[in-house]
Amino acid sequence: MAQIVDSLPNEYQKRILCNYKNATSGIQIARITNIPHWYLERVVFPGQHLLFEAIPEAQLEIHSAKIASAIPADTILCEQLQVDAGEENN
C-alpha cells in the first residue's frame, strides 16, 4: 500500500515524484529536513511504499525505528528516487 503525502509549497517550481520502499523487516522513519519552508516525516512500515513530491536536491533520511530512538541508517538524494513516467501506472 502506498502512502501519499502533502506536496511542496508553490515556491518550488521544479518538482519530481519520488517513491521509497521500506524493503526491511523493521519500521523506518523517512524524513526530509534540508528544504527551507518544508518538512516531511513519515513512518514507513515493512514493505510499504512512500510516494511523495520533492525537489531533486532534497535528501531523504531513513532512520531505523527502535524503542525510544531513531537510529540514522541512510541518506538518499531524492533525484535517485524519481518515478519514471512509465512506473506511475504500476
PDB file of N, CA and C in Angstrom:
ATOM      1  N   MET A   1       0.846  -1.174   0.000  1.00  0.00           N
ATOM      2  CA  MET A   1       0.000   0.000   0.000  1.00  0.00           C
ATOM      3  C   MET A   1       0.890   1.235   0.000  1.00  0.00           C
ATOM      4  N   ALA A   2       0.615   2.189  -0.848  1.00  0.00           N
ATOM      5  CA  ALA A   2       1.383   3.432  -0.938  1.00  0.00           C
ATOM      6  C   ALA A   2       0.776   4.480  -0.029  1.00  0.00           C
ATOM      7  N   GLN A   3       1.646   5.288   0.541  1.00  0.00           N
ATOM      8  CA  GLN A   3       1.215   6.413   1.360  1.00  0.00           C
ATOM      9  C   GLN A   3       1.569   7.675   0.586  1.00  0.00           C
ATOM     10  N   ILE A   4       0.604   8.562   0.374  1.00  0.00           N
ATOM     11  CA  ILE A   4       0.842   9.791  -0.382  1.00  0.00           C
ATOM     12  C   ILE A   4       0.807  10.951   0.602  1.00  0.00           C
ATOM     13  N   VAL A   5       1.814  11.829   0.518  1.00  0.00           N
ATOM     14  CA  VAL A   5       1.944  12.925   1.480  1.00  0.00           C
ATOM     15  C   VAL A   5       1.713  14.271   0.818  1.00  0.00           C
ATOM     16  N   ASP A   6       1.636  15.314   1.631  1.00  0.00           N
ATOM     17  CA  ASP A   6       1.407  16.669   1.139  1.00  0.00           C
ATOM     18  C   ASP A   6       2.502  17.104   0.180  1.00  0.00           C
ATOM     19  N   SER A   7       2.110  17.935  -0.777  1.00  0.00           N
ATOM     20  CA  SER A   7       3.070  18.401  -1.765  1.00  0.00           C
ATOM     21  C   SER A   7       3.866  19.599  -1.248  1.00  0.00           C
ATOM     22  N   LEU A   8       4.851  19.973  -2.003  1.00  0.00           N
ATOM     23  CA  LEU A   8       5.721  21.104  -1.681  1.00  0.00           C
ATOM     24  C   LEU A   8       4.974  22.429  -1.769  1.00  0.00           C
ATOM     25  N   PRO A   9       5.467  23.451  -1.073  1.00  0.00           N
ATOM     26  CA  PRO A   9       4.887  24.793  -1.248  1.00  0.00           C
ATOM     27  C   PRO A   9       5.038  25.265  -2.689  1.00  0.00           C
ATOM     28  N   ASN A  10       4.187  26.174  -3.119  1.00  0.00           N
ATOM     29  CA  ASN A  10       4.173  26.657  -4.505  1.00  0.00           C
ATOM     30  C   ASN A  10       5.465  27.319  -4.949  1.00  0.00           C
ATOM     31  N   GLU A  11       6.289  27.779  -4.023  1.00  0.00           N
ATOM     32  CA  GLU A  11       7.527  28.471  -4.397  1.00  0.00           C
ATOM     33  C   GLU A  11       8.538  27.563  -5.101  1.00  0.00           C
ATOM     34  N   TYR A  12       8.375  26.246  -4.977  1.00  0.00           N
ATOM     35  CA  TYR A  12       9.292  25.308  -5.619  1.00  0.00           C
ATOM     36  C   TYR A  12       8.729  24.911  -6.980  1.00  0.00           C
ATOM     37  N   GLN A  13       9.386  25.356  -8.033  1.00  0.00           N
ATOM     38  CA  GLN A  13       8.887  25.120  -9.392  1.00  0.00           C
ATOM     39  C   GLN A  13       9.273  23.746  -9.932  1.00  0.00           C
ATOM     40  N   LYS A  14      10.516  23.324  -9.702  1.00  0.00           N
ATOM     41  CA  LYS A  14      10.964  22.037 -10.231  1.00  0.00           C
ATOM     42  C   LYS A  14      10.645  20.948  -9.219  1.00  0.00           C
ATOM     43  N   ARG A  15       9.675  20.123  -9.554  1.00  0.00           N
ATOM     44  CA  ARG A  15       9.216  19.067  -8.660  1.00  0.00           C
ATOM     45  C   ARG A  15       9.359  17.718  -9.338  1.00  0.00           C
ATOM     46  N   ILE A  16       9.664  16.735  -8.545  1.00  0.00           N
ATOM     47  CA  ILE A  16       9.725  15.371  -9.065  1.00  0.00           C
ATOM     48  C   ILE A  16       8.885  14.475  -8.159  1.00  0.00           C
ATOM     49  N   LEU A  17       8.312  13.434  -8.737  1.00  0.00           N
ATOM     50  CA  LEU A  17       7.571  12.446  -7.974  1.00  0.00           C
ATOM     51  C   LEU A  17       8.551  11.351  -7.573  1.00  0.00           C
ATOM     52  N   CYS A  18       8.583  11.034  -6.289  1.00  0.00           N
ATOM     53  CA  CYS A  18       9.547  10.065  -5.772  1.00  0.00           C
ATOM     54  C   CYS A  18       8.835   8.905  -5.089  1.00  0.00           C
ATOM     55  N   ASN A  19       9.498   7.766  -5.083  1.00  0.00           N
ATOM     56  CA  ASN A  19       8.970   6.574  -4.444  1.00  0.00           C
ATOM     57  C   ASN A  19      10.075   5.935  -3.621  1.00  0.00           C
ATOM     58  N   TYR A  20       9.786   5.686  -2.350  1.00  0.00           N
ATOM     59  CA  TYR A  20      10.706   4.954  -1.492  1.00  0.00           C
ATOM     60  C   TYR A  20       9.973   3.745  -0.945  1.00  0.00           C
ATOM     61  N   LYS A  21      10.621   2.588  -0.952  1.00  0.00           N
ATOM     62  CA  LYS A  21      10.023   1.370  -0.390  1.00  0.00           C
ATOM     63  C   LYS A  21      10.875   0.892   0.771  1.00  0.00           C
ATOM     64  N   ASN A  22      10.226   0.607   1.870  1.00  0.00           N
ATOM     65  CA  ASN A  22      10.911   0.009   3.011  1.00  0.00           C
ATOM     66  C   ASN A  22      11.050  -1.479   2.732  1.00  0.00           C
ATOM     67  N   ALA A  23      12.230  -1.881   2.314  1.00  0.00           N
ATOM     68  CA  ALA A  23      12.483  -3.276   1.961  1.00  0.00           C
ATOM     69  C   ALA A  23      13.017  -4.077   3.147  1.00  0.00           C
ATOM     70  N   THR A  24      12.993  -3.486   4.338  1.00  0.00           N
ATOM     71  CA  THR A  24      13.471  -4.184   5.525  1.00  0.00           C
ATOM     72  C   THR A  24      12.300  -4.835   6.259  1.00  0.00           C
ATOM     73  N   SER A  25      12.626  -5.554   7.329  1.00  0.00           N
ATOM     74  CA  SER A  25      11.583  -6.172   8.142  1.00  0.00           C
ATOM     75  C   SER A  25      11.220  -5.306   9.348  1.00  0.00           C
ATOM     76  N   GLY A  26      11.816  -4.124   9.442  1.00  0.00           N
ATOM     77  CA  GLY A  26      11.529  -3.240  10.569  1.00  0.00           C
ATOM     78  C   GLY A  26      10.869  -1.944  10.138  1.00  0.00           C
ATOM     79  N   ILE A  27      10.298  -1.249  11.106  1.00  0.00           N
ATOM     80  CA  ILE A  27       9.688   0.052  10.853  1.00  0.00           C
ATOM     81  C   ILE A  27      10.789   1.085  10.651  1.00  0.00           C
ATOM     82  N   GLN A  28      10.584   1.988   9.698  1.00  0.00           N
ATOM     83  CA  GLN A  28      11.538   3.058   9.429  1.00  0.00           C
ATOM     84  C   GLN A  28      10.843   4.413   9.533  1.00  0.00           C
ATOM     85  N   ILE A  29      11.640   5.435   9.764  1.00  0.00           N
ATOM     86  CA  ILE A  29      11.153   6.805   9.738  1.00  0.00           C
ATOM     87  C   ILE A  29      11.856   7.492   8.581  1.00  0.00           C
ATOM     88  N   ALA A  30      11.068   8.055   7.656  1.00  0.00           N
ATOM     89  CA  ALA A  30      11.601   8.775   6.495  1.00  0.00           C
ATOM     90  C   ALA A  30      11.436  10.261   6.778  1.00  0.00           C
ATOM     91  N   ARG A  31      12.508  11.033   6.533  1.00  0.00           N
ATOM     92  CA  ARG A  31      12.491  12.437   6.905  1.00  0.00           C
ATOM     93  C   ARG A  31      13.263  13.260   5.878  1.00  0.00           C
ATOM     94  N   ILE A  32      12.689  14.417   5.496  1.00  0.00           N
ATOM     95  CA  ILE A  32      13.399  15.407   4.677  1.00  0.00           C
ATOM     96  C   ILE A  32      13.445  16.686   5.496  1.00  0.00           C
ATOM     97  N   THR A  33      14.658  17.192   5.735  1.00  0.00           N
ATOM     98  CA  THR A  33      14.817  18.391   6.553  1.00  0.00           C
ATOM     99  C   THR A  33      15.655  19.472   5.874  1.00  0.00           C
ATOM    100  N   ASN A  34      16.191  19.197   4.686  1.00  0.00           N
ATOM    101  CA  ASN A  34      17.123  20.148   4.074  1.00  0.00           C
ATOM    102  C   ASN A  34      16.474  21.125   3.094  1.00  0.00           C
ATOM    103  N   ILE A  35      15.156  21.217   3.063  1.00  0.00           N
ATOM    104  CA  ILE A  35      14.460  22.134   2.161  1.00  0.00           C
ATOM    105  C   ILE A  35      13.793  23.240   2.995  1.00  0.00           C
ATOM    106  N   PRO A  36      14.164  24.515   2.760  1.00  0.00           N
ATOM    107  CA  PRO A  36      13.563  25.615   3.523  1.00  0.00           C
ATOM    108  C   PRO A  36      12.031  25.661   3.359  1.00  0.00           C
ATOM    109  N   HIS A  37      11.341  25.933   4.443  1.00  0.00           N
ATOM    110  CA  HIS A  37       9.881  26.087   4.478  1.00  0.00           C
ATOM    111  C   HIS A  37       9.121  24.792   4.211  1.00  0.00           C
ATOM    112  N   TRP A  38       9.786  23.650   4.326  1.00  0.00           N
ATOM    113  CA  TRP A  38       9.106  22.374   4.113  1.00  0.00           C
ATOM    114  C   TRP A  38       9.787  21.289   4.930  1.00  0.00           C
ATOM    115  N   TYR A  39       8.985  20.452   5.534  1.00  0.00           N
ATOM    116  CA  TYR A  39       9.492  19.370   6.369  1.00  0.00           C
ATOM    117  C   TYR A  39       8.602  18.157   6.139  1.00  0.00           C
ATOM    118  N   LEU A  40       9.214  17.018   5.958  1.00  0.00           N
ATOM    119  CA  LEU A  40       8.462  15.782   5.770  1.00  0.00           C
ATOM    120  C   LEU A  40       8.978  14.763   6.770  1.00  0.00           C
ATOM    121  N   GLU A  41       8.083  14.103   7.454  1.00  0.00           N
ATOM    122  CA  GLU A  41       8.462  12.996   8.327  1.00  0.00           C
ATOM    123  C   GLU A  41       7.309  12.007   8.350  1.00  0.00           C
ATOM    124  N   ARG A  42       7.591  10.767   7.999  1.00  0.00           N
ATOM    125  CA  ARG A  42       6.561   9.735   7.962  1.00  0.00           C
ATOM    126  C   ARG A  42       7.129   8.408   8.463  1.00  0.00           C
ATOM    127  N   VAL A  43       6.277   7.631   9.065  1.00  0.00           N
ATOM    128  CA  VAL A  43       6.615   6.261   9.439  1.00  0.00           C
ATOM    129  C   VAL A  43       6.351   5.381   8.223  1.00  0.00           C
ATOM    130  N   VAL A  44       7.292   4.496   7.903  1.00  0.00           N
ATOM    131  CA  VAL A  44       7.145   3.604   6.757  1.00  0.00           C
ATOM    132  C   VAL A  44       7.277   2.166   7.280  1.00  0.00           C
ATOM    133  N   PHE A  45       6.206   1.411   7.157  1.00  0.00           N
ATOM    134  CA  PHE A  45       6.188   0.044   7.653  1.00  0.00           C
ATOM    135  C   PHE A  45       6.865  -0.906   6.664  1.00  0.00           C
ATOM    136  N   PRO A  46       7.272  -2.084   7.123  1.00  0.00           N
ATOM    137  CA  PRO A  46       7.927  -3.049   6.230  1.00  0.00           C
ATOM    138  C   PRO A  46       7.082  -3.324   4.985  1.00  0.00           C
ATOM    139  N   GLY A  47       7.709  -3.242   3.822  1.00  0.00           N
ATOM    140  CA  GLY A  47       7.029  -3.496   2.554  1.00  0.00           C
ATOM    141  C   GLY A  47       6.215  -2.332   2.024  1.00  0.00           C
ATOM    142  N   GLN A  48       6.056  -1.272   2.799  1.00  0.00           N
ATOM    143  CA  GLN A  48       5.238  -0.128   2.391  1.00  0.00           C
ATOM    144  C   GLN A  48       6.019   0.809   1.471  1.00  0.00           C
ATOM    145  N   HIS A  49       5.296   1.398   0.500  1.00  0.00           N
ATOM    146  CA  HIS A  49       5.852   2.413  -0.390  1.00  0.00           C
ATOM    147  C   HIS A  49       5.460   3.787   0.131  1.00  0.00           C
ATOM    148  N   LEU A  50       6.376   4.732   0.031  1.00  0.00           N
ATOM    149  CA  LEU A  50       6.100   6.124   0.361  1.00  0.00           C
ATOM    150  C   LEU A  50       6.242   6.912  -0.932  1.00  0.00           C
ATOM    151  N   LEU A  51       5.141   7.457  -1.421  1.00  0.00           N
ATOM    152  CA  LEU A  51       5.117   8.234  -2.655  1.00  0.00           C
ATOM    153  C   LEU A  51       5.022   9.700  -2.262  1.00  0.00           C
ATOM    154  N   PHE A  52       5.975  10.517  -2.745  1.00  0.00           N
ATOM    155  CA  PHE A  52       5.998  11.914  -2.340  1.00  0.00           C
ATOM    156  C   PHE A  52       6.584  12.794  -3.426  1.00  0.00           C
ATOM    157  N   GLU A  53       6.241  14.068  -3.356  1.00  0.00           N
ATOM    158  CA  GLU A  53       6.753  15.064  -4.281  1.00  0.00           C
ATOM    159  C   GLU A  53       7.894  15.798  -3.578  1.00  0.00           C
ATOM    160  N   ALA A  54       8.966  16.044  -4.310  1.00  0.00           N
ATOM    161  CA  ALA A  54      10.127  16.740  -3.744  1.00  0.00           C
ATOM    162  C   ALA A  54      10.836  17.485  -4.857  1.00  0.00           C
ATOM    163  N   ILE A  55      11.886  18.191  -4.483  1.00  0.00           N
ATOM    164  CA  ILE A  55      12.760  18.775  -5.493  1.00  0.00           C
ATOM    165  C   ILE A  55      13.986  17.879  -5.585  1.00  0.00           C
ATOM    166  N   PRO A  56      14.685  17.865  -6.719  1.00  0.00           N
ATOM    167  CA  PRO A  56      15.798  16.932  -6.888  1.00  0.00           C
ATOM    168  C   PRO A  56      16.881  17.041  -5.810  1.00  0.00           C
ATOM    169  N   GLU A  57      17.052  18.224  -5.208  1.00  0.00           N
ATOM    170  CA  GLU A  57      18.103  18.439  -4.217  1.00  0.00           C
ATOM    171  C   GLU A  57      17.719  17.924  -2.827  1.00  0.00           C
ATOM    172  N   ALA A  58      16.472  17.575  -2.627  1.00  0.00           N
ATOM    173  CA  ALA A  58      16.022  17.095  -1.315  1.00  0.00           C
ATOM    174  C   ALA A  58      16.735  15.791  -0.976  1.00  0.00           C
ATOM    175  N   GLN A  59      16.993  15.612   0.311  1.00  0.00           N
ATOM    176  CA  GLN A  59      17.641  14.393   0.788  1.00  0.00           C
ATOM    177  C   GLN A  59      16.700  13.673   1.738  1.00  0.00           C
ATOM    178  N   LEU A  60      16.377  12.433   1.405  1.00  0.00           N
ATOM    179  CA  LEU A  60      15.515  11.618   2.246  1.00  0.00           C
ATOM    180  C   LEU A  60      16.390  10.875   3.245  1.00  0.00           C
ATOM    181  N   GLU A  61      16.197  11.168   4.519  1.00  0.00           N
ATOM    182  CA  GLU A  61      16.915  10.474   5.585  1.00  0.00           C
ATOM    183  C   GLU A  61      16.065   9.291   6.023  1.00  0.00           C
ATOM    184  N   ILE A  62      16.675   8.140   6.126  1.00  0.00           N
ATOM    185  CA  ILE A  62      15.980   6.939   6.581  1.00  0.00           C
ATOM    186  C   ILE A  62      16.552   6.562   7.936  1.00  0.00           C
ATOM    187  N   HIS A  63      15.654   6.422   8.903  1.00  0.00           N
ATOM    188  CA  HIS A  63      16.053   6.064  10.258  1.00  0.00           C
ATOM    189  C   HIS A  63      15.366   4.763  10.642  1.00  0.00           C
ATOM    190  N   SER A  64      16.118   3.867  11.264  1.00  0.00           N
ATOM    191  CA  SER A  64      15.529   2.632  11.773  1.00  0.00           C
ATOM    192  C   SER A  64      14.847   2.948  13.093  1.00  0.00           C
ATOM    193  N   ALA A  65      13.598   2.587  13.207  1.00  0.00           N
ATOM    194  CA  ALA A  65      12.841   2.878  14.424  1.00  0.00           C
ATOM    195  C   ALA A  65      13.154   1.832  15.487  1.00  0.00           C
ATOM    196  N   LYS A  66      13.657   2.284  16.592  1.00  0.00           N
ATOM    197  CA  LYS A  66      13.923   1.440  17.753  1.00  0.00           C
ATOM    198  C   LYS A  66      13.176   2.037  18.925  1.00  0.00           C
ATOM    199  N   ILE A  67      13.019   1.303  19.962  1.00  0.00           N
ATOM    200  CA  ILE A  67      12.298   1.797  21.132  1.00  0.00           C
ATOM    201  C   ILE A  67      12.978   3.058  21.656  1.00  0.00           C
ATOM    202  N   ALA A  68      12.209   4.151  21.729  1.00  0.00           N
ATOM    203  CA  ALA A  68      12.630   5.442  22.273  1.00  0.00           C
ATOM    204  C   ALA A  68      13.765   6.114  21.512  1.00  0.00           C
ATOM    205  N   SER A  69      14.030   5.689  20.280  1.00  0.00           N
ATOM    206  CA  SER A  69      15.065   6.369  19.493  1.00  0.00           C
ATOM    207  C   SER A  69      14.877   6.072  18.012  1.00  0.00           C
ATOM    208  N   ALA A  70      15.557   6.851  17.201  1.00  0.00           N
ATOM    209  CA  ALA A  70      15.580   6.608  15.763  1.00  0.00           C
ATOM    210  C   ALA A  70      17.041   6.617  15.339  1.00  0.00           C
ATOM    211  N   ILE A  71      17.527   5.496  14.913  1.00  0.00           N
ATOM    212  CA  ILE A  71      18.935   5.363  14.545  1.00  0.00           C
ATOM    213  C   ILE A  71      19.101   5.686  13.067  1.00  0.00           C
ATOM    214  N   PRO A  72      19.967   6.694  12.743  1.00  0.00           N
ATOM    215  CA  PRO A  72      20.180   7.028  11.322  1.00  0.00           C
ATOM    216  C   PRO A  72      20.716   5.820  10.558  1.00  0.00           C
ATOM    217  N   ALA A  73      20.122   5.538   9.416  1.00  0.00           N
ATOM    218  CA  ALA A  73      20.530   4.382   8.628  1.00  0.00           C
ATOM    219  C   ALA A  73      21.084   4.773   7.264  1.00  0.00           C
ATOM    220  N   ASP A  74      20.474   5.771   6.607  1.00  0.00           N
ATOM    221  CA  ASP A  74      20.878   6.095   5.244  1.00  0.00           C
ATOM    222  C   ASP A  74      20.331   7.461   4.850  1.00  0.00           C
ATOM    223  N   THR A  75      20.994   8.112   3.900  1.00  0.00           N
ATOM    224  CA  THR A  75      20.506   9.348   3.299  1.00  0.00           C
ATOM    225  C   THR A  75      20.532   9.155   1.791  1.00  0.00           C
ATOM    226  N   ILE A  76      19.395   9.417   1.135  1.00  0.00           N
ATOM    227  CA  ILE A  76      19.259   9.181  -0.300  1.00  0.00           C
ATOM    228  C   ILE A  76      18.845  10.482  -0.971  1.00  0.00           C
ATOM    229  N   LEU A  77      19.536  10.869  -2.026  1.00  0.00           N
ATOM    230  CA  LEU A  77      19.153  12.035  -2.807  1.00  0.00           C
ATOM    231  C   LEU A  77      17.847  11.728  -3.523  1.00  0.00           C
ATOM    232  N   CYS A  78      16.859  12.592  -3.374  1.00  0.00           N
ATOM    233  CA  CYS A  78      15.527  12.325  -3.942  1.00  0.00           C
ATOM    234  C   CYS A  78      15.557  12.138  -5.455  1.00  0.00           C
ATOM    235  N   GLU A  79      16.502  12.758  -6.112  1.00  0.00           N
ATOM    236  CA  GLU A  79      16.646  12.582  -7.558  1.00  0.00           C
ATOM    237  C   GLU A  79      16.812  11.094  -7.907  1.00  0.00           C
ATOM    238  N   GLN A  80      17.430  10.320  -7.008  1.00  0.00           N
ATOM    239  CA  GLN A  80      17.619   8.886  -7.231  1.00  0.00           C
ATOM    240  C   GLN A  80      16.341   8.084  -7.007  1.00  0.00           C
ATOM    241  N   LEU A  81      15.348   8.696  -6.369  1.00  0.00           N
ATOM    242  CA  LEU A  81      14.078   8.020  -6.092  1.00  0.00           C
ATOM    243  C   LEU A  81      12.981   8.422  -7.063  1.00  0.00           C
ATOM    244  N   GLN A  82      13.349   9.216  -8.074  1.00  0.00           N
ATOM    245  CA  GLN A  82      12.350   9.730  -9.009  1.00  0.00           C
ATOM    246  C   GLN A  82      11.637   8.604  -9.741  1.00  0.00           C
ATOM    247  N   VAL A  83      10.319   8.736  -9.832  1.00  0.00           N
ATOM    248  CA  VAL A  83       9.489   7.764 -10.527  1.00  0.00           C
ATOM    249  C   VAL A  83       9.494   8.097 -12.005  1.00  0.00           C
ATOM    250  N   ASP A  84       9.765   7.097 -12.849  1.00  0.00           N
ATOM    251  CA  ASP A  84       9.695   7.286 -14.290  1.00  0.00           C
ATOM    252  C   ASP A  84       8.233   7.342 -14.703  1.00  0.00           C
ATOM    253  N   ALA A  85       7.932   8.036 -15.796  1.00  0.00           N
ATOM    254  CA  ALA A  85       6.551   8.190 -16.264  1.00  0.00           C
ATOM    255  C   ALA A  85       5.886   6.831 -16.469  1.00  0.00           C
ATOM    256  N   GLY A  86       6.606   5.826 -16.928  1.00  0.00           N
ATOM    257  CA  GLY A  86       6.043   4.510 -17.160  1.00  0.00           C
ATOM    258  C   GLY A  86       5.723   3.768 -15.882  1.00  0.00           C
ATOM    259  N   GLU A  87       6.360   4.120 -14.769  1.00  0.00           N
ATOM    260  CA  GLU A  87       6.148   3.447 -13.498  1.00  0.00           C
ATOM    261  C   GLU A  87       4.905   3.935 -12.779  1.00  0.00           C
ATOM    262  N   GLU A  88       4.418   5.145 -13.087  1.00  0.00           N
ATOM    263  CA  GLU A  88       3.300   5.738 -12.353  1.00  0.00           C
ATOM    264  C   GLU A  88       2.038   4.896 -12.435  1.00  0.00           C
ATOM    265  N   ASN A  89       1.868   4.123 -13.484  1.00  0.00           N
ATOM    266  CA  ASN A  89       0.655   3.336 -13.648  1.00  0.00           C
ATOM    267  C   ASN A  89       0.756   1.964 -13.000  1.00  0.00           C
ATOM    268  N   ASN A  90       1.911   1.634 -12.424  1.00  0.00           N
ATOM    269  CA  ASN A  90       2.102   0.309 -11.805  1.00  0.00           C
ATOM    270  C   ASN A  90       1.655   0.292 -10.376  1.00  0.00           C
TER     271      ASN A  90
END
